[in-house]
Every structure is written in C-alpha cells, then in structure tokens.
Amino acid sequence: PSPAGRVLGGLIEDAGSNLPAVKKGLTLFDPKKSLKINTGELANLSRKELDTIGVFLGIADLYDGGTKCFSLKEMLAKRISQELSFLVTPSECMGCTETFLFKKGRFEVLRCFLCQQPSHDCDMVVGVLESRSLQNSLSSEAWLCSACYPVLCVDTTA
C-alpha cells in the first residue's frame, strides 16, 4: 500500500469500538482528491457518524460545554477532511525546514490560524512557543503554516 494507505489502514486498526463509523469515513476519503470533493463525500455521512470520527481523530473543540461547535455537518466534514489530509500529506516546517508527517495522538505544539495544520515539535518551534509564553503574548499572535504564510503574507510593495 501507499504511505497514505498505510496511515489510513493504521487508523482503521486503532478505531476499536468506533470501527463502523471510522471505517466508513476513511473509505470515503481519498488523499488524491481535493478538499472540496472529500468534504462533499464525508458530508453524506450522518451527524452521529461525523461526530464519532471527529472524536476519534481528536479534533479540538468538537464540543464546548455540551454545545456542538460545528453546527453544520458540512463544517465538521470539512474539518475531518482537513485532519485526514494532515495525517497523510507531508508538511514542511517553517522553522527548521524539515519535512514531517503529523501522527494522530502526537503532541502538537501549534495549529495554523487559517487551516488548522499542526506544527511539529522541533527545537525552533518549541523555542518560539516558550519565549512567547514567557512574554505572555501568545494570545495576541497567530501562527501560520508554510502553506498559509505565503498566501496571507504576500509582499505587495514589489
């Protein structure tokens, strides 16, 4: 199997009692297809199935005090599609330029403000986080991944 197939297969193996919903969702997800197409496929699942997959993947803020943070199925389907993409698509760290693959359950240092891409835990990223924490200024700053930074921070003076 491809690297993406091995990752998705590993997720199915880890699904435990969530296996029916997780397997159904993972078989709909195709890493070769766009976010829009994968989101559309996943949005066809029931809300209960999407909630089960979201909890299994550890999507933060799925619930806030019993209130669903993703009020529309399509929003939750998009977030699940993004998270699955992060698990199967290598990313480049803006700090150390290492290419890394995020793993479910692995400690994440930061999440991209725009796309929710997790960072990895290289010395440079951890050092920046620690210095920001010491200055107590993290709440006023946003971290951008290597894919979103050029989109948002384009030099318009040239």
Protein backbone atom coordinates (compact mmCIF):
# COMPACT_ATOMS: atom_id res chain seq x y z
CA PRO A 1 0.00 0.00 0.00
CA SER A 2 0.95 3.66 -0.46
CA PRO A 3 2.15 5.70 2.54
CA ALA A 4 -1.31 7.30 2.74
CA GLY A 5 -2.91 3.84 2.58
CA ARG A 6 -0.72 2.65 5.46
CA VAL A 7 -1.72 5.68 7.57
CA LEU A 8 -5.43 5.20 6.86
CA GLY A 9 -5.12 1.45 7.49
CA GLY A 10 -3.44 2.17 10.82
CA LEU A 11 -6.29 4.47 11.78
CA ILE A 12 -8.81 1.74 10.99
CA GLU A 13 -6.83 -0.69 13.17
CA ASP A 14 -6.91 1.83 16.05
CA ALA A 15 -10.64 2.55 15.73
CA GLY A 16 -11.78 -0.02 18.31
CA SER A 17 -15.46 0.38 19.15
CA ASN A 18 -15.68 3.28 16.69
CA LEU A 19 -14.76 0.99 13.80
CA PRO A 20 -18.01 1.11 11.76
CA ALA A 21 -18.17 4.93 11.53
CA VAL A 22 -14.41 5.42 11.24
CA LYS A 23 -14.04 2.78 8.54
CA LYS A 24 -16.96 4.23 6.59
CA GLY A 25 -15.48 7.74 6.76
CA LEU A 26 -11.94 6.66 5.91
CA THR A 27 -13.08 4.68 2.90
CA LEU A 28 -14.82 7.82 1.57
CA PHE A 29 -11.67 9.93 2.00
CA ASP A 30 -9.27 9.91 -0.96
CA PRO A 31 -5.98 11.78 -0.45
CA LYS A 32 -5.68 12.27 -4.22
CA LYS A 33 -8.93 14.27 -4.33
CA SER A 34 -9.42 17.90 -3.39
CA LEU A 35 -10.59 19.14 -0.01
CA LYS A 36 -13.88 20.18 -1.60
CA ILE A 37 -14.58 16.73 -3.06
CA ASN A 38 -13.58 14.90 0.14
CA THR A 39 -15.71 17.27 2.20
CA GLY A 40 -18.70 16.58 -0.05
CA GLU A 41 -18.21 12.83 0.28
CA LEU A 42 -17.90 12.99 4.08
CA ALA A 43 -20.91 15.35 4.37
CA ASN A 44 -23.07 12.46 3.14
CA LEU A 45 -22.45 10.64 6.44
CA SER A 46 -24.86 11.07 9.33
CA ARG A 47 -24.14 13.66 12.00
CA LYS A 48 -23.61 10.84 14.52
CA GLU A 49 -21.01 9.19 12.25
CA LEU A 50 -19.21 12.53 11.73
CA ASP A 51 -19.20 13.19 15.47
CA THR A 52 -17.74 9.73 16.11
CA ILE A 53 -14.99 10.28 13.54
CA GLY A 54 -14.26 13.76 14.90
CA VAL A 55 -13.90 12.49 18.46
CA PHE A 56 -11.74 9.58 17.27
CA LEU A 57 -9.42 11.94 15.40
CA GLY A 58 -9.18 14.19 18.46
CA ILE A 59 -10.49 17.27 16.70
CA ALA A 60 -10.24 20.04 19.27
CA ASP A 61 -13.32 21.99 20.28
CA LEU A 62 -15.75 19.47 18.82
CA TYR A 63 -17.91 20.22 21.84
CA ASP A 64 -17.81 23.22 24.12
CA GLY A 65 -19.79 22.63 27.28
CA GLY A 66 -22.15 20.24 25.51
CA THR A 67 -22.75 22.60 22.58
CA LYS A 68 -21.65 21.46 19.14
CA CYS A 69 -19.01 23.87 17.83
CA PHE A 70 -19.58 22.68 14.27
CA SER A 71 -23.26 23.47 13.88
CA LEU A 72 -23.38 22.39 10.24
CA LYS A 73 -22.48 18.90 9.08
CA GLU A 74 -20.57 20.38 6.16
CA MET A 75 -18.31 22.36 8.53
CA LEU A 76 -17.49 19.24 10.53
CA ALA A 77 -16.98 17.21 7.34
CA LYS A 78 -14.52 19.86 6.09
CA ARG A 79 -12.61 19.82 9.40
CA ILE A 80 -12.40 16.00 9.32
CA SER A 81 -11.23 16.11 5.71
CA GLN A 82 -8.53 18.63 6.69
CA GLU A 83 -7.39 16.49 9.62
CA LEU A 84 -7.16 13.38 7.44
CA SER A 85 -5.15 15.36 4.88
CA PHE A 86 -2.72 16.44 7.62
CA LEU A 87 -2.24 12.80 8.58
CA VAL A 88 -1.38 11.62 5.05
CA THR A 89 0.33 14.65 3.47
CA PRO A 90 3.88 15.61 4.46
CA SER A 91 4.37 19.23 5.54
CA GLU A 92 7.42 21.45 5.70
CA CYS A 93 8.29 23.21 8.95
CA MET A 94 8.78 26.96 8.53
CA GLY A 95 11.31 26.94 11.34
CA CYS A 96 13.72 24.12 10.57
CA THR A 97 12.51 23.33 7.00
CA GLU A 98 12.23 19.63 7.93
CA THR A 99 9.52 17.70 6.12
CA PHE A 100 7.32 15.93 8.65
CA LEU A 101 4.18 13.83 8.76
CA PHE A 102 1.83 14.54 11.64
CA LYS A 103 0.68 11.48 13.60
CA LYS A 104 -2.64 11.06 15.40
CA GLY A 105 -2.16 11.43 19.13
CA ARG A 106 1.26 13.08 18.78
CA PHE A 107 1.91 16.24 20.78
CA GLU A 108 1.20 19.27 18.66
CA VAL A 109 2.89 22.50 19.53
CA LEU A 110 0.78 24.92 17.50
CA ARG A 111 -2.02 24.85 14.93
CA CYS A 112 -2.15 27.13 11.92
CA PHE A 113 -4.55 30.01 12.48
CA LEU A 114 -6.05 29.58 8.99
CA CYS A 115 -6.09 25.88 8.09
CA GLN A 116 -5.52 24.17 11.47
CA GLN A 117 -2.41 22.35 10.17
CA PRO A 118 -0.48 21.13 13.22
CA SER A 119 3.15 22.06 13.66
CA HIS A 120 5.70 19.55 14.77
CA ASP A 121 7.86 19.80 17.84
CA CYS A 122 11.30 20.82 16.55
CA ASP A 123 13.59 22.87 18.79
CA MET A 124 12.90 26.05 16.83
CA VAL A 125 9.08 25.86 17.13
CA VAL A 126 9.22 24.86 20.80
CA GLY A 127 11.71 27.68 21.48
CA VAL A 128 9.44 30.27 19.86
CA LEU A 129 6.48 28.98 21.85
CA GLU A 130 8.44 29.09 25.12
CA SER A 131 9.66 32.65 24.50
CA ARG A 132 6.13 33.78 23.65
CA SER A 133 4.76 32.09 26.78
CA LEU A 134 7.37 33.84 28.90
CA GLN A 135 6.28 37.16 27.41
CA ASN A 136 2.64 36.14 27.88
CA SER A 137 1.89 37.35 24.36
CA LEU A 138 0.76 34.14 22.63
CA SER A 139 -2.90 35.10 22.89
CA SER A 140 -2.30 38.12 20.66
CA GLU A 141 -0.35 36.30 17.95
CA ALA A 142 -1.27 33.74 15.31
CA TRP A 143 0.96 31.04 13.86
CA LEU A 144 0.77 30.27 10.14
CA CYS A 145 1.97 27.06 8.49
CA SER A 146 4.32 27.05 5.49
CA ALA A 147 1.37 26.71 3.08
CA CYS A 148 -0.72 29.58 4.50
CA TYR A 149 2.07 32.05 5.25
CA PRO A 150 2.82 32.93 1.61
CA VAL A 151 -0.90 33.28 0.87
CA LEU A 152 -1.54 35.71 3.71
CA CYS A 153 1.84 37.41 3.95
CA VAL A 154 2.46 38.39 0.35
CA ASP A 155 4.80 41.33 -0.21
CA THR A 156 2.72 43.87 -2.14
CA THR A 157 5.45 46.52 -2.23
CA ALA A 158 7.39 44.87 -5.09
